[in-house]
Amino acid sequence: MQKSVYKTRQQDFLLSYLKEMKGKHFTAEEVREHFESKEISIGIATIYRQLERLVADGVLQKYFIDEHSAACFEYSGDDCNAETPHFHLKCEECGNLFHLECDDLEELTNHLKNEHGFTLNPYRTVLYGICLSCKNKKQKEAK
């Protein structure tokens, strides 16, 4: 069965904005706030529905960072490769979430599997700490 290709202006606005967000993480609420600031009327239910459709289509990746945070999304478009393991770094100071692909972490994943029999899910792994920007800010404030 072929997918419906019905498109609306709201879908076009949303997809255009998401393409601008490539490589960044965002929540449905942040998307709503963006359109509200542009005086474009897209309801939160429509945003959620469209984001979920794009996840199902493989255009977006969806992440659950922890039980206290809203799900976040990342636009991958045609470059989406859900098979490429990646981790997330979350700054405990500013709350920013960083996408990380690192061969050294793949080595850690292999070590956990081979030495401890534990298969790590890199798509749901979040490492907490302080980002460089916040660290530098703290150092300046301490002087």
Protein backbone atom coordinates (compact mmCIF):
# COMPACT_ATOMS: atom_id res chain seq x y z
CA MET A 1 0.00 0.00 0.00
CA GLN A 2 1.41 3.40 -1.01
CA LYS A 3 1.66 6.26 1.48
CA SER A 4 -0.56 9.28 1.05
CA VAL A 5 1.17 12.26 -0.52
CA TYR A 6 -1.41 14.78 0.71
CA LYS A 7 0.46 17.94 1.74
CA THR A 8 -0.60 21.13 3.44
CA ARG A 9 1.05 24.54 3.79
CA GLN A 10 1.60 23.73 7.46
CA GLN A 11 3.53 20.59 6.50
CA ASP A 12 5.62 22.63 4.06
CA PHE A 13 6.37 25.26 6.76
CA LEU A 14 7.28 22.54 9.22
CA LEU A 15 9.54 20.61 6.87
CA SER A 16 11.30 23.79 5.76
CA TYR A 17 11.98 24.74 9.39
CA LEU A 18 13.18 21.23 10.28
CA LYS A 19 15.66 21.29 7.40
CA GLU A 20 17.10 24.49 8.91
CA MET A 21 17.48 22.60 12.20
CA LYS A 22 19.60 19.81 10.71
CA GLY A 23 22.18 18.66 13.25
CA LYS A 24 20.35 20.31 16.17
CA HIS A 25 18.03 18.76 18.73
CA PHE A 26 14.61 20.29 19.34
CA THR A 27 11.36 19.54 21.11
CA ALA A 28 7.81 19.85 19.79
CA GLU A 29 7.31 22.82 22.12
CA GLU A 30 10.34 24.59 20.63
CA VAL A 31 8.87 24.06 17.17
CA ARG A 32 5.54 25.51 18.35
CA GLU A 33 7.32 28.54 19.87
CA HIS A 34 9.20 29.13 16.61
CA PHE A 35 6.02 29.24 14.54
CA GLU A 36 4.23 31.33 17.16
CA SER A 37 7.05 33.90 16.99
CA LYS A 38 6.62 34.01 13.18
CA GLU A 39 2.84 34.38 13.62
CA ILE A 40 2.25 31.12 11.76
CA SER A 41 -0.64 29.19 13.23
CA ILE A 42 0.21 25.51 13.68
CA GLY A 43 -1.38 23.78 16.65
CA ILE A 44 0.69 21.66 18.99
CA ALA A 45 -1.38 18.55 18.14
CA THR A 46 -0.58 19.05 14.45
CA ILE A 47 3.10 19.50 15.26
CA TYR A 48 3.19 16.29 17.31
CA ARG A 49 1.32 14.38 14.62
CA GLN A 50 3.65 15.60 11.86
CA LEU A 51 6.80 14.96 13.90
CA GLU A 52 5.67 11.39 14.60
CA ARG A 53 4.89 10.88 10.89
CA LEU A 54 8.37 12.11 9.98
CA VAL A 55 9.90 9.77 12.57
CA ALA A 56 7.96 6.87 11.03
CA ASP A 57 9.16 7.95 7.56
CA GLY A 58 12.79 8.00 8.78
CA VAL A 59 13.24 11.74 8.23
CA LEU A 60 13.55 12.51 11.96
CA GLN A 61 15.19 10.69 14.82
CA LYS A 62 13.38 10.75 18.17
CA TYR A 63 15.22 10.62 21.49
CA PHE A 64 14.09 10.19 25.07
CA ILE A 65 16.83 11.69 27.20
CA ASP A 66 15.36 10.98 30.62
CA GLU A 67 12.01 10.53 32.30
CA HIS A 68 11.81 14.23 33.22
CA SER A 69 12.45 15.73 29.79
CA ALA A 70 10.26 16.00 26.73
CA ALA A 71 11.22 13.84 23.77
CA CYS A 72 13.55 15.60 21.42
CA PHE A 73 13.98 15.22 17.72
CA GLU A 74 16.75 15.60 15.19
CA TYR A 75 16.28 16.16 11.45
CA SER A 76 18.34 13.73 9.40
CA GLY A 77 16.56 13.92 6.06
CA ASP A 78 18.01 11.81 3.28
CA ASP A 79 21.24 11.39 5.26
CA CYS A 80 19.45 9.51 8.02
CA ASN A 81 21.42 6.50 9.11
CA ALA A 82 19.79 4.99 12.16
CA GLU A 83 22.41 2.24 12.03
CA THR A 84 25.28 4.61 12.89
CA PRO A 85 25.75 4.50 16.66
CA HIS A 86 25.91 7.85 18.37
CA PHE A 87 25.73 9.14 21.88
CA HIS A 88 24.43 12.31 23.45
CA LEU A 89 26.10 14.68 25.87
CA LYS A 90 23.86 16.79 28.09
CA CYS A 91 25.24 19.85 29.85
CA GLU A 92 24.03 20.04 33.44
CA GLU A 93 24.52 23.82 33.45
CA CYS A 94 22.82 25.10 30.28
CA GLY A 95 20.78 21.98 29.44
CA ASN A 96 22.04 21.81 25.85
CA LEU A 97 22.16 18.41 24.20
CA PHE A 98 25.07 17.54 21.93
CA HIS A 99 25.16 14.77 19.32
CA LEU A 100 28.37 12.74 19.43
CA GLU A 101 29.78 10.16 17.07
CA CYS A 102 33.12 8.94 18.35
CA ASP A 103 35.13 5.82 17.56
CA ASP A 104 36.41 5.70 21.13
CA LEU A 105 32.86 5.31 22.41
CA GLU A 106 32.31 2.49 19.93
CA GLU A 107 35.31 0.83 21.56
CA LEU A 108 33.61 1.24 24.95
CA THR A 109 30.42 -0.29 23.53
CA ASN A 110 32.38 -3.28 22.27
CA HIS A 111 34.20 -3.65 25.61
CA LEU A 112 30.91 -3.68 27.53
CA LYS A 113 29.52 -6.33 25.20
CA ASN A 114 32.59 -8.56 25.03
CA GLU A 115 33.83 -8.29 28.61
CA HIS A 116 30.60 -7.80 30.53
CA GLY A 117 27.91 -9.29 28.31
CA PHE A 118 26.06 -5.97 28.27
CA THR A 119 24.72 -4.52 25.04
CA LEU A 120 24.60 -0.76 25.28
CA ASN A 121 21.95 1.12 23.31
CA PRO A 122 23.96 4.09 21.97
CA TYR A 123 20.84 5.86 20.71
CA ARG A 124 19.51 6.11 24.25
CA THR A 125 22.79 6.75 26.01
CA VAL A 126 23.25 10.19 27.52
CA LEU A 127 26.44 11.26 29.24
CA TYR A 128 25.99 14.15 31.68
CA GLY A 129 28.57 16.78 32.46
CA ILE A 130 29.46 20.39 31.71
CA CYS A 131 30.03 21.68 28.18
CA LEU A 132 33.11 23.67 27.24
CA SER A 133 31.16 26.92 26.98
CA CYS A 134 29.77 26.59 30.53
CA LYS A 135 33.16 25.46 31.86
CA ASN A 136 34.82 28.54 30.36
CA LYS A 137 32.06 30.75 31.75
CA LYS A 138 32.54 29.31 35.24
CA GLN A 139 36.31 29.84 35.03
CA LYS A 140 35.84 33.50 34.04
CA GLU A 141 33.39 34.04 36.91
CA ALA A 142 35.85 32.50 39.38
CA LYS A 143 38.57 35.01 38.45
